[in-house]
Amino acid sequence: MTTLPIEATILGLAGLLQVIQIALMAIPANLELGPGKTLGPRDPDRLGTPLDQQVSPITGRLHRAMSNHFEGLILFTIAVALVVWADASSPLTAGCAWTYLAARVLYIPAYAFGWVPWRSVLWAIGLLATVILICAALV
């Protein structure tokens, strides 16, 4: 059995976090909107406004936090791939990967409950950790 580099393991955990975020958004959205809207084709002329504008403020924030993690996860995946392919794993890269994951976990309640400025601070911490990972792989 091959052992994954810690950064790759954390990438897997970040992927599972994304699945959790989908559930955190989808369950209340389905309860709030009902299956008539959530199971349909979601055509704008049928709905009037996008579904994320028809849900409660917290559910809307959970939707935006989920979408934001998809965006961050793309860069984090690139960073981890570079570290693994370059065989550049180190305590620094492991720490950055854990920092990214912790920031993304904390980002969910920060966004959902409108913690200003902490949502933005956590987002920046996750991005900075990702940039350091990329730089560590390139040097």
Protein backbone atom coordinates (compact mmCIF):
# COMPACT_ATOMS: atom_id res chain seq x y z
CA MET A 1 0.00 0.00 0.00
CA THR A 2 1.37 3.38 -1.03
CA THR A 3 1.28 6.22 1.45
CA LEU A 4 0.09 9.51 0.04
CA PRO A 5 2.04 12.67 0.75
CA ILE A 6 0.28 14.59 3.51
CA GLU A 7 -0.63 17.37 1.07
CA ALA A 8 -2.48 14.86 -1.13
CA THR A 9 -4.31 13.47 1.90
CA ILE A 10 -5.37 17.00 2.85
CA LEU A 11 -6.53 17.56 -0.74
CA GLY A 12 -8.75 14.50 -0.31
CA LEU A 13 -10.09 15.96 2.94
CA ALA A 14 -10.74 19.27 1.15
CA GLY A 15 -12.71 17.32 -1.46
CA LEU A 16 -14.80 15.74 1.29
CA LEU A 17 -15.30 19.18 2.80
CA GLN A 18 -16.73 20.28 -0.54
CA VAL A 19 -19.23 17.41 -0.40
CA ILE A 20 -20.20 18.48 3.13
CA GLN A 21 -20.69 22.04 1.90
CA ILE A 22 -22.95 20.81 -0.88
CA ALA A 23 -25.10 19.04 1.72
CA LEU A 24 -25.06 22.04 4.08
CA MET A 25 -26.47 24.15 1.27
CA ALA A 26 -28.72 21.61 -0.49
CA ILE A 27 -30.64 20.32 2.52
CA PRO A 28 -31.97 23.70 3.70
CA ALA A 29 -32.45 24.88 0.11
CA ASN A 30 -34.63 21.85 -0.66
CA LEU A 31 -36.59 22.32 2.57
CA GLU A 32 -37.11 26.03 1.88
CA LEU A 33 -37.96 25.80 -1.83
CA GLY A 34 -39.55 22.39 -2.18
CA PRO A 35 -38.93 19.74 -4.81
CA GLY A 36 -41.03 21.54 -7.41
CA LYS A 37 -38.27 24.10 -7.78
CA THR A 38 -35.15 22.18 -6.84
CA LEU A 39 -35.82 19.11 -9.00
CA GLY A 40 -36.90 21.09 -12.06
CA PRO A 41 -34.73 22.42 -14.89
CA ARG A 42 -34.33 25.82 -13.14
CA ASP A 43 -35.03 27.79 -16.28
CA PRO A 44 -34.99 31.56 -15.52
CA ASP A 45 -38.35 32.21 -17.20
CA ARG A 46 -39.98 29.53 -15.02
CA LEU A 47 -38.39 30.57 -11.72
CA GLY A 48 -38.44 34.35 -12.03
CA THR A 49 -35.25 34.76 -10.01
CA PRO A 50 -32.29 32.43 -9.42
CA LEU A 51 -32.87 29.85 -6.69
CA ASP A 52 -30.06 31.23 -4.52
CA GLN A 53 -32.03 34.50 -4.33
CA GLN A 54 -35.19 32.71 -3.19
CA VAL A 55 -33.71 31.05 -0.10
CA SER A 56 -33.07 32.44 3.37
CA PRO A 57 -30.03 34.68 3.86
CA ILE A 58 -28.04 31.92 5.63
CA THR A 59 -28.82 29.33 2.94
CA GLY A 60 -27.83 31.88 0.28
CA ARG A 61 -24.55 32.47 2.12
CA LEU A 62 -23.95 28.71 2.35
CA HIS A 63 -24.47 28.54 -1.42
CA ARG A 64 -21.93 31.32 -2.00
CA ALA A 65 -19.45 29.72 0.43
CA MET A 66 -19.81 26.43 -1.45
CA SER A 67 -19.21 28.14 -4.78
CA ASN A 68 -16.22 30.00 -3.35
CA HIS A 69 -14.67 26.73 -2.17
CA PHE A 70 -15.00 25.28 -5.68
CA GLU A 71 -12.92 28.24 -6.87
CA GLY A 72 -10.35 27.91 -4.08
CA LEU A 73 -10.18 24.15 -4.49
CA ILE A 74 -9.04 24.55 -8.09
CA LEU A 75 -5.96 26.53 -7.04
CA PHE A 76 -5.32 24.28 -4.04
CA THR A 77 -5.45 21.21 -6.31
CA ILE A 78 -2.91 22.81 -8.64
CA ALA A 79 -0.70 23.63 -5.65
CA VAL A 80 -0.85 20.10 -4.24
CA ALA A 81 -0.26 18.55 -7.66
CA LEU A 82 2.84 20.69 -8.12
CA VAL A 83 4.18 19.80 -4.66
CA VAL A 84 3.60 16.08 -5.23
CA TRP A 85 4.98 16.02 -8.80
CA ALA A 86 8.03 18.06 -7.82
CA ASP A 87 8.57 15.84 -4.77
CA ALA A 88 8.72 19.07 -2.79
CA SER A 89 6.78 17.95 0.29
CA SER A 90 8.18 19.50 3.46
CA PRO A 91 7.04 20.64 6.87
CA LEU A 92 6.30 24.04 5.27
CA THR A 93 4.07 22.57 2.56
CA ALA A 94 2.33 20.26 5.04
CA GLY A 95 1.69 23.23 7.32
CA CYS A 96 0.33 25.28 4.45
CA ALA A 97 -1.98 22.46 3.38
CA TRP A 98 -3.34 22.11 6.93
CA THR A 99 -3.71 25.90 7.13
CA TYR A 100 -5.71 25.93 3.88
CA LEU A 101 -8.04 23.22 5.16
CA ALA A 102 -8.52 24.85 8.57
CA ALA A 103 -9.23 28.22 6.94
CA ARG A 104 -11.79 26.64 4.62
CA VAL A 105 -13.53 24.83 7.49
CA LEU A 106 -13.75 28.06 9.50
CA TYR A 107 -14.83 29.99 6.39
CA ILE A 108 -18.17 28.14 6.33
CA PRO A 109 -19.58 29.50 9.62
CA ALA A 110 -17.82 32.83 9.04
CA TYR A 111 -19.70 33.25 5.78
CA ALA A 112 -22.98 31.74 6.98
CA PHE A 113 -23.18 33.96 10.05
CA GLY A 114 -21.68 37.10 8.48
CA TRP A 115 -18.55 37.34 10.60
CA VAL A 116 -16.98 40.58 9.37
CA PRO A 117 -14.06 40.88 8.67
CA TRP A 118 -13.21 37.25 9.60
CA ARG A 119 -14.73 35.73 6.47
CA SER A 120 -12.36 37.78 4.33
CA VAL A 121 -9.41 37.15 6.66
CA LEU A 122 -9.99 33.39 6.49
CA TRP A 123 -10.31 33.53 2.71
CA ALA A 124 -7.00 35.42 2.50
CA ILE A 125 -5.27 32.93 4.81
CA GLY A 126 -6.39 30.04 2.60
CA LEU A 127 -5.23 31.85 -0.53
CA LEU A 128 -1.86 32.76 1.00
CA ALA A 129 -1.30 29.14 2.08
CA THR A 130 -2.08 28.03 -1.48
CA VAL A 131 0.32 30.57 -3.01
CA ILE A 132 3.10 29.47 -0.65
CA LEU A 133 2.49 25.85 -1.70
CA ILE A 134 2.82 26.81 -5.37
CA CYS A 135 5.98 28.81 -4.72
CA ALA A 136 7.51 26.01 -2.65
CA ALA A 137 6.99 23.59 -5.52
CA LEU A 138 8.48 25.97 -8.09
CA VAL A 139 11.69 26.83 -6.23
